[in-house]
Protein backbone atom coordinates (compact mmCIF):
# COMPACT_ATOMS: atom_id res chain seq x y z
CA UNK A 1 -15.93 -8.66 9.16
CA UNK A 2 -12.38 -8.77 7.91
CA UNK A 3 -9.14 -7.23 9.09
CA UNK A 4 -6.97 -5.89 6.27
CA UNK A 5 -3.31 -5.70 7.25
CA UNK A 6 -1.13 -3.45 5.09
CA UNK A 7 2.55 -4.15 4.37
CA UNK A 8 5.08 -2.25 2.28
CA UNK A 9 6.97 -4.71 0.12
CA UNK A 10 10.77 -4.63 0.02
CA UNK A 11 12.40 -3.47 -3.21
CA UNK A 12 12.24 -6.14 -5.89
CA UNK A 13 9.60 -8.12 -3.99
CA UNK A 14 7.51 -10.68 -5.82
CA UNK A 15 5.31 -11.27 -2.73
CA UNK A 16 6.84 -14.69 -2.17
CA UNK A 17 9.21 -13.36 0.47
CA UNK A 18 8.62 -14.05 4.12
CA UNK A 19 6.41 -11.70 6.07
CA UNK A 20 9.36 -10.52 8.18
CA UNK A 21 10.85 -9.02 4.99
CA UNK A 22 7.84 -6.68 4.68
CA UNK A 23 7.25 -3.45 6.61
CA UNK A 24 3.99 -3.38 8.58
CA UNK A 25 2.16 -0.14 7.73
CA UNK A 26 -1.21 -0.49 9.42
CA UNK A 27 -4.56 -2.23 9.43
CA UNK A 28 -8.26 -1.57 9.15
CA UNK A 29 -11.47 -3.53 9.69
CA UNK A 30 -14.37 -3.66 7.23
CA UNK A 31 -16.92 -6.03 5.71
CA UNK A 32 -15.35 -5.94 2.24
CA UNK A 33 -12.19 -4.78 0.55
CA UNK A 34 -14.18 -2.08 -1.24
CA UNK A 35 -15.29 -0.66 2.12
CA UNK A 36 -11.72 -0.81 3.46
CA UNK A 37 -9.99 0.82 0.47
CA UNK A 38 -10.43 4.51 1.49
CA UNK A 39 -8.76 3.85 4.88
CA UNK A 40 -6.09 1.64 3.31
CA UNK A 41 -5.28 4.30 0.71
CA UNK A 42 -5.06 7.01 3.39
CA UNK A 43 -2.62 4.94 5.48
CA UNK A 44 -0.52 4.24 2.38
CA UNK A 45 -0.56 7.92 1.39
CA UNK A 46 0.77 8.87 4.83
CA UNK A 47 3.44 6.17 4.56
CA UNK A 48 4.63 7.45 1.18
CA UNK A 49 4.81 11.03 2.49
CA UNK A 50 7.38 9.94 5.08
CA UNK A 51 9.79 9.51 2.14
CA UNK A 52 9.13 12.99 0.70
CA UNK A 53 10.90 16.16 1.82
CA UNK A 54 8.31 18.42 3.49
CA UNK A 55 8.59 21.10 0.82
CA UNK A 56 7.50 18.54 -1.81
CA UNK A 57 4.81 16.78 0.22
CA UNK A 58 1.87 18.19 -1.77
CA UNK A 59 0.76 16.05 -4.66
CA UNK A 60 -1.31 13.13 -5.85
CA UNK A 61 -1.13 9.43 -5.02
CA UNK A 62 -2.27 7.02 -7.75
CA UNK A 63 -3.14 3.43 -6.92
CA UNK A 64 -3.16 0.35 -9.13
CA UNK A 65 -4.58 -2.84 -7.62
CA UNK A 66 -2.91 -5.94 -9.03
CA UNK A 67 -5.50 -8.58 -9.79
CA UNK A 68 -3.28 -11.10 -11.55
CA UNK A 69 -2.42 -14.12 -9.46
CA UNK A 70 1.32 -13.68 -10.04
CA UNK A 71 1.36 -10.50 -7.94
CA UNK A 72 -0.78 -11.77 -5.08
CA UNK A 73 0.14 -15.34 -4.29
CA UNK A 74 1.35 -14.96 -0.70
CA UNK A 75 -1.10 -12.19 0.14
CA UNK A 76 -4.65 -11.94 -1.10
CA UNK A 77 -4.09 -8.54 -2.72
CA UNK A 78 -1.24 -6.28 -3.71
CA UNK A 79 -1.09 -2.87 -5.34
CA UNK A 80 1.29 -0.15 -6.41
CA UNK A 81 1.06 3.38 -5.05
CA UNK A 82 2.87 6.22 -6.82
CA UNK A 83 3.18 9.71 -5.37
CA UNK A 84 3.61 12.54 -7.88
CA UNK A 85 4.47 15.88 -6.25
CA UNK A 86 2.82 19.09 -7.45
CA UNK A 87 6.25 20.56 -8.20
CA UNK A 88 7.48 17.75 -10.43
CA UNK A 89 10.33 19.91 -11.78
CA UNK A 90 12.18 19.76 -8.46
CA UNK A 91 11.10 16.46 -6.93
CA UNK A 92 10.71 13.05 -8.47
CA UNK A 93 7.89 10.59 -8.01
CA UNK A 94 8.04 7.92 -5.31
CA UNK A 95 6.42 4.55 -5.77
CA UNK A 96 6.08 1.44 -3.66
CA UNK A 97 4.32 -1.90 -3.86
CA UNK A 98 2.07 -2.82 -0.95
CA UNK A 99 0.56 -6.15 0.05
CA UNK A 100 -2.74 -6.71 1.85
CA UNK A 101 -3.52 -9.66 4.03
CA UNK A 102 -7.23 -10.33 4.58
CA UNK A 103 -8.00 -12.00 7.91
CA UNK A 104 -11.58 -12.96 8.85
CA UNK A 105 -12.62 -11.56 12.24
CA UNK A 106 -15.33 -13.12 14.38
CA UNK A 107 -17.23 -10.67 16.54
């Protein structure tokens, strides 16, 4: 089993910054990253919605997992999440980069 800890990266982050510079979002436990992704994505979606005015909180979150080493040196994985509201004419998109730390858990 692995624990996947989710952090929101600070603006302009290259994932070489110290952990204290990142915002802890949540965590989940699963055998593999693939099994953990639905829960990770849900926690990230809820995090992004905290930055949206309530009247524009309906929309779609798109995720792009970075697989290149340059994006994931300090943490095993990182990805970008972009929220696009349904009413795009009146509210802009919000996007953030998140980092995942994979920690083996012994049961």
